[in-house]
């Protein structure tokens, strides 16, 4: 309908106000802590029940004798006895200590390499593809070389753990830096962020989601490299998880073998859920990748 220039139609004004009111979507009340814990826990419990049921059905099928494939009950009873005795906890603590040291060194090397590749073009041209190739190389292939240099020592294990994790961490950081929105870089320059200050306050915070993904992948490589290394290189000075695996295999004790493997699996689940999973949820909520209500549920 025709309207005069500069005049406001009351009907149009009401429509605009109604549209603004529609934006005021009521925010649902935050779920209670117990509800949030249960919402995160019940899918894992269902998965555990399904796995145990399939395991029991496989035993009942007679595919293998119970000396080779025992029922879940005896395995978890052995797991409980080993944990109560304290020896399995000591072995897990030794393996986790090695994992933490190796992963920490890999983070330092990966961050330095990642920043250098992302910010120095000649270095990217020289070393970028090499880092990617190192990431795709199976960690176990490094062990003959590591044993040749460091003999059968803990240093050989750490060498392979770092080589397995550092390239993934570096590539995660490079990917994050490469995908920083240019508008953020321009805004940082306008506000005076240049050089090291731009890297600290603009580039690295914007690259954080990809960097955490690289850390998660690096941890997976480090953990697998460590488990393989402890199986191949048995170091004196303490009983690790993998020494228990070897002892159980040599004694043909399938119950002990499966109980120890469950501990390795539980450690991986705990690190992923309580460590990287929690960090990813916080980052996604902070960067607006999920709404507040769904992230709390």
Protein backbone atom coordinates (compact mmCIF):
# COMPACT_ATOMS: atom_id res chain seq x y z
CA UNK A 1 0.00 0.00 0.00
CA UNK A 2 1.27 3.53 -0.63
CA UNK A 3 2.96 5.27 2.21
CA UNK A 4 4.31 8.78 2.64
CA UNK A 5 8.04 9.33 2.90
CA UNK A 6 9.23 9.66 6.46
CA UNK A 7 5.90 8.63 7.96
CA UNK A 8 5.55 5.52 10.15
CA UNK A 9 2.48 3.39 9.68
CA UNK A 10 1.14 2.25 13.08
CA UNK A 11 0.43 -1.21 11.67
CA UNK A 12 4.02 -1.58 10.43
CA UNK A 13 5.32 -0.43 13.79
CA UNK A 14 3.23 -3.04 15.57
CA UNK A 15 4.52 -5.74 13.22
CA UNK A 16 8.12 -4.73 13.91
CA UNK A 17 7.54 -4.77 17.66
CA UNK A 18 5.88 -8.16 17.39
CA UNK A 19 8.90 -9.47 15.51
CA UNK A 20 11.22 -8.18 18.23
CA UNK A 21 9.07 -9.80 20.90
CA UNK A 22 9.34 -13.12 19.05
CA UNK A 23 13.10 -13.00 19.51
CA UNK A 24 12.66 -13.17 23.25
CA UNK A 25 12.58 -16.95 23.37
CA UNK A 26 12.28 -18.19 26.93
CA UNK A 27 15.42 -19.97 28.07
CA UNK A 28 14.60 -23.32 29.68
CA UNK A 29 15.64 -23.81 33.26
CA UNK A 30 19.04 -25.40 33.74
CA UNK A 31 18.76 -29.13 34.47
CA UNK A 32 19.81 -30.17 37.92
CA UNK A 33 23.24 -31.69 38.37
CA UNK A 34 21.80 -35.14 38.97
CA UNK A 35 19.83 -34.96 35.72
CA UNK A 36 22.88 -33.85 33.74
CA UNK A 37 24.99 -36.68 35.16
CA UNK A 38 22.29 -39.23 34.37
CA UNK A 39 21.83 -37.88 30.82
CA UNK A 40 25.55 -38.34 30.18
CA UNK A 41 25.77 -41.69 31.97
CA UNK A 42 22.84 -43.77 30.75
CA UNK A 43 24.02 -44.19 27.11
CA UNK A 44 27.35 -45.53 28.37
CA UNK A 45 25.57 -47.94 30.72
CA UNK A 46 23.39 -49.22 27.89
CA UNK A 47 26.49 -49.75 25.72
CA UNK A 48 28.18 -51.70 28.53
CA UNK A 49 25.13 -53.92 28.99
CA UNK A 50 24.97 -54.64 25.25
CA UNK A 51 28.68 -55.53 25.10
CA UNK A 52 28.44 -57.81 28.14
CA UNK A 53 25.35 -59.52 26.68
CA UNK A 54 27.12 -60.15 23.37
CA UNK A 55 30.16 -61.43 25.25
CA UNK A 56 28.05 -63.87 27.27
CA UNK A 57 26.20 -65.04 24.15
CA UNK A 58 29.53 -65.67 22.43
CA UNK A 59 30.65 -67.82 25.38
CA UNK A 60 27.38 -69.75 25.37
CA UNK A 61 27.73 -70.40 21.63
CA UNK A 62 30.71 -72.65 22.37
CA UNK A 63 32.89 -70.90 19.80
CA UNK A 64 35.86 -71.29 22.15
CA UNK A 65 36.30 -73.11 25.44
CA UNK A 66 36.04 -71.08 28.65
CA UNK A 67 39.74 -71.61 29.24
CA UNK A 68 40.34 -69.37 26.21
CA UNK A 69 37.22 -67.18 26.32
CA UNK A 70 35.96 -66.97 29.93
CA UNK A 71 32.59 -65.60 31.00
CA UNK A 72 32.31 -61.93 32.06
CA UNK A 73 31.66 -62.88 35.69
CA UNK A 74 35.03 -64.51 36.45
CA UNK A 75 36.87 -61.79 34.52
CA UNK A 76 35.33 -58.98 36.55
CA UNK A 77 35.89 -60.94 39.76
CA UNK A 78 39.58 -61.22 38.87
CA UNK A 79 39.63 -57.51 38.02
CA UNK A 80 38.17 -56.67 41.42
CA UNK A 81 40.67 -58.92 43.21
CA UNK A 82 43.61 -57.39 41.31
CA UNK A 83 42.45 -53.86 42.10
CA UNK A 84 41.92 -54.72 45.76
CA UNK A 85 45.40 -56.22 45.93
CA UNK A 86 46.94 -53.00 44.65
CA UNK A 87 49.35 -54.58 42.16
CA UNK A 88 47.21 -53.70 39.14
CA UNK A 89 46.86 -50.12 40.34
CA UNK A 90 50.64 -49.84 40.69
CA UNK A 91 51.12 -51.20 37.17
CA UNK A 92 48.54 -48.77 35.78
CA UNK A 93 50.18 -45.86 37.63
CA UNK A 94 53.57 -46.71 36.08
CA UNK A 95 52.10 -46.86 32.58
CA UNK A 96 50.17 -43.62 33.09
CA UNK A 97 53.31 -41.88 34.36
CA UNK A 98 55.14 -42.82 31.18
CA UNK A 99 52.15 -41.69 29.10
CA UNK A 100 52.00 -38.33 30.85
CA UNK A 101 55.72 -37.65 30.42
CA UNK A 102 55.78 -38.67 26.78
CA UNK A 103 52.59 -36.79 25.95
CA UNK A 104 53.84 -33.67 27.73
CA UNK A 105 57.05 -33.68 25.70
CA UNK A 106 55.02 -34.25 22.54
CA UNK A 107 52.82 -31.23 23.33
CA UNK A 108 55.84 -28.94 23.64
CA UNK A 109 57.41 -30.21 20.40
CA UNK A 110 54.08 -30.23 18.57
CA UNK A 111 53.21 -26.65 19.56
CA UNK A 112 56.63 -25.34 18.49
CA UNK A 113 56.45 -27.20 15.17
CA UNK A 114 52.85 -26.18 14.59
CA UNK A 115 53.51 -22.47 15.14
CA UNK A 116 56.61 -22.59 12.95
CA UNK A 117 54.81 -24.36 10.10
CA UNK A 118 51.76 -22.09 10.35
CA UNK A 119 53.61 -18.77 10.52
CA UNK A 120 56.85 -19.32 8.58
CA UNK A 121 56.16 -20.04 4.91
CA UNK A 122 59.60 -21.39 3.97
CA UNK A 123 59.46 -23.79 6.91
CA UNK A 124 56.01 -24.97 5.82
CA UNK A 125 57.30 -25.64 2.32
CA UNK A 126 60.26 -27.55 3.74
CA UNK A 127 58.71 -29.50 6.60
CA UNK A 128 54.91 -29.43 6.27
CA UNK A 129 54.56 -32.60 4.22
CA UNK A 130 57.23 -34.34 6.31
CA UNK A 131 55.20 -33.79 9.50
CA UNK A 132 52.09 -35.18 7.82
CA UNK A 133 54.06 -38.22 6.62
CA UNK A 134 55.34 -38.83 10.15
CA UNK A 135 51.76 -38.75 11.42
CA UNK A 136 50.67 -41.44 8.96
CA UNK A 137 53.65 -43.69 9.71
CA UNK A 138 52.80 -46.57 12.09
CA UNK A 139 54.46 -46.03 15.45
CA UNK A 140 55.53 -49.63 15.75
CA UNK A 141 57.76 -49.16 12.71
CA UNK A 142 59.97 -46.84 14.80
CA UNK A 143 60.74 -49.41 17.50
CA UNK A 144 63.58 -51.27 15.73
CA UNK A 145 65.30 -47.92 15.15
CA UNK A 146 64.60 -46.76 18.72
CA UNK A 147 65.97 -50.01 20.18
CA UNK A 148 69.04 -49.72 17.96
CA UNK A 149 69.78 -46.21 19.26
CA UNK A 150 68.63 -46.38 22.90
CA UNK A 151 68.74 -50.17 23.47
CA UNK A 152 65.85 -51.70 25.39
CA UNK A 153 65.25 -48.79 27.71
CA UNK A 154 62.49 -46.46 28.79
CA UNK A 155 64.03 -43.78 26.57
CA UNK A 156 63.30 -45.94 23.53
CA UNK A 157 59.65 -46.12 24.53
CA UNK A 158 59.44 -42.35 25.10
CA UNK A 159 61.13 -41.72 21.76
CA UNK A 160 58.39 -43.60 19.90
CA UNK A 161 55.60 -42.09 22.01
CA UNK A 162 56.76 -38.56 21.18
CA UNK A 163 57.17 -39.39 17.49
CA UNK A 164 53.66 -40.81 17.45
CA UNK A 165 51.95 -37.87 19.16
CA UNK A 166 53.85 -34.71 18.18
CA UNK A 167 52.96 -34.69 14.44
CA UNK A 168 49.23 -35.01 15.18
CA UNK A 169 49.41 -32.15 17.69
CA UNK A 170 51.35 -29.97 15.24
CA UNK A 171 48.92 -30.64 12.39
CA UNK A 172 45.95 -29.86 14.63
CA UNK A 173 47.45 -26.50 15.51
CA UNK A 174 48.33 -25.75 11.88
CA UNK A 175 44.78 -26.53 10.79
CA UNK A 176 43.38 -24.24 13.46
CA UNK A 177 45.68 -21.37 12.53
CA UNK A 178 44.91 -21.78 8.83
CA UNK A 179 41.18 -21.49 9.50
CA UNK A 180 41.24 -18.40 11.69
CA UNK A 181 38.66 -16.01 10.15
CA UNK A 182 40.43 -13.07 8.42
CA UNK A 183 38.01 -10.65 10.08
CA UNK A 184 39.50 -11.59 13.45
CA UNK A 185 43.01 -10.89 12.20
CA UNK A 186 41.93 -7.51 10.83
CA UNK A 187 40.14 -6.65 14.06
CA UNK A 188 43.24 -7.61 16.02
CA UNK A 189 45.43 -5.37 13.88
CA UNK A 190 43.02 -2.48 14.38
CA UNK A 191 43.26 -2.97 18.13
CA UNK A 192 47.04 -3.07 17.97
CA UNK A 193 47.60 -6.84 18.16
CA UNK A 194 50.67 -7.61 16.06
CA UNK A 195 53.44 -10.15 16.20
CA UNK A 196 53.54 -12.11 19.43
CA UNK A 197 50.50 -10.31 20.88
CA UNK A 198 48.42 -11.24 17.81
CA UNK A 199 49.55 -14.85 18.19
CA UNK A 200 48.69 -14.91 21.89
CA UNK A 201 45.42 -12.99 21.96
CA UNK A 202 43.91 -13.60 18.51
CA UNK A 203 45.36 -16.54 16.56
CA UNK A 204 45.82 -19.19 19.27
CA UNK A 205 42.42 -18.61 20.95
CA UNK A 206 40.70 -18.81 17.55
CA UNK A 207 42.63 -22.00 16.71
CA UNK A 208 41.76 -23.64 20.04
CA UNK A 209 39.01 -26.03 18.77
CA UNK A 210 41.26 -27.57 16.12
CA UNK A 211 44.19 -27.62 18.55
CA UNK A 212 42.19 -29.62 21.11
CA UNK A 213 41.18 -32.04 18.36
CA UNK A 214 44.86 -32.44 17.52
CA UNK A 215 45.65 -33.04 21.20
CA UNK A 216 42.99 -35.73 21.34
CA UNK A 217 44.36 -37.45 18.27
CA UNK A 218 47.90 -37.07 19.60
CA UNK A 219 46.90 -38.74 22.87
CA UNK A 220 45.43 -41.68 20.94
CA UNK A 221 48.73 -42.11 19.05
CA UNK A 222 50.74 -41.73 22.26
CA UNK A 223 48.66 -44.28 24.19
CA UNK A 224 48.81 -46.88 21.42
CA UNK A 225 52.54 -46.31 20.95
CA UNK A 226 53.13 -46.71 24.69
CA UNK A 227 51.17 -49.95 24.96
CA UNK A 228 52.99 -51.40 21.95
CA UNK A 229 56.32 -50.19 23.32
CA UNK A 230 55.86 -51.76 26.72
CA UNK A 231 55.00 -55.06 25.04
CA UNK A 232 58.14 -54.96 22.90
CA UNK A 233 60.55 -53.29 25.33
CA UNK A 234 60.20 -54.67 28.84
CA UNK A 235 62.09 -52.31 31.13
CA UNK A 236 63.22 -53.24 34.61
CA UNK A 237 62.28 -51.05 37.54
CA UNK A 238 58.61 -51.84 37.93
CA UNK A 239 55.73 -53.91 36.60
CA UNK A 240 53.72 -52.08 33.96
CA UNK A 241 50.34 -53.04 32.55
CA UNK A 242 51.92 -54.71 29.54
CA UNK A 243 54.22 -56.86 31.66
CA UNK A 244 51.07 -58.20 33.30
CA UNK A 245 49.67 -58.89 29.82
CA UNK A 246 52.80 -60.80 28.85
CA UNK A 247 52.82 -62.79 32.09
CA UNK A 248 49.14 -63.70 31.64
CA UNK A 249 49.73 -64.78 28.05
CA UNK A 250 52.70 -66.96 28.99
CA UNK A 251 50.70 -68.54 31.81
CA UNK A 252 47.70 -68.96 29.44
CA UNK A 253 45.56 -67.18 32.02
CA UNK A 254 42.78 -65.73 29.84
CA UNK A 255 40.90 -64.33 32.84
CA UNK A 256 43.88 -62.23 33.95
CA UNK A 257 44.58 -61.23 30.36
CA UNK A 258 41.06 -59.91 29.77
CA UNK A 259 40.94 -58.20 33.16
CA UNK A 260 44.12 -56.26 32.33
CA UNK A 261 42.79 -55.37 28.87
CA UNK A 262 39.66 -53.97 30.49
CA UNK A 263 41.85 -51.67 32.59
CA UNK A 264 43.55 -50.38 29.42
CA UNK A 265 40.13 -49.76 27.88
CA UNK A 266 38.82 -48.00 30.98
CA UNK A 267 41.83 -45.69 31.09
CA UNK A 268 41.21 -44.69 27.48
CA UNK A 269 37.51 -44.03 28.15
CA UNK A 270 38.29 -41.99 31.28
CA UNK A 271 40.85 -39.79 29.53
CA UNK A 272 38.51 -39.19 26.60
CA UNK A 273 35.37 -38.50 28.65
CA UNK A 274 36.78 -36.61 31.62
CA UNK A 275 39.64 -34.88 29.81
CA UNK A 276 39.21 -34.18 26.13
CA UNK A 277 35.45 -34.66 26.09
CA UNK A 278 34.93 -32.07 28.83
CA UNK A 279 37.34 -29.65 27.13
CA UNK A 280 35.56 -30.01 23.78
CA UNK A 281 32.16 -29.36 25.36
CA UNK A 282 33.41 -26.22 27.08
CA UNK A 283 34.97 -24.93 23.87
CA UNK A 284 31.87 -25.65 21.79
CA UNK A 285 29.69 -23.89 24.34
CA UNK A 286 32.05 -20.92 24.55
CA UNK A 287 32.30 -20.52 20.78
CA UNK A 288 28.56 -20.90 20.27
CA UNK A 289 28.68 -24.19 18.37
CA UNK A 290 25.89 -25.52 20.60
CA UNK A 291 23.21 -23.66 22.47
CA UNK A 292 23.49 -23.32 26.21
CA UNK A 293 20.47 -25.43 27.01
CA UNK A 294 21.57 -28.47 24.99
CA UNK A 295 25.13 -28.29 26.29
CA UNK A 296 23.88 -28.46 29.85
CA UNK A 297 21.68 -31.46 29.26
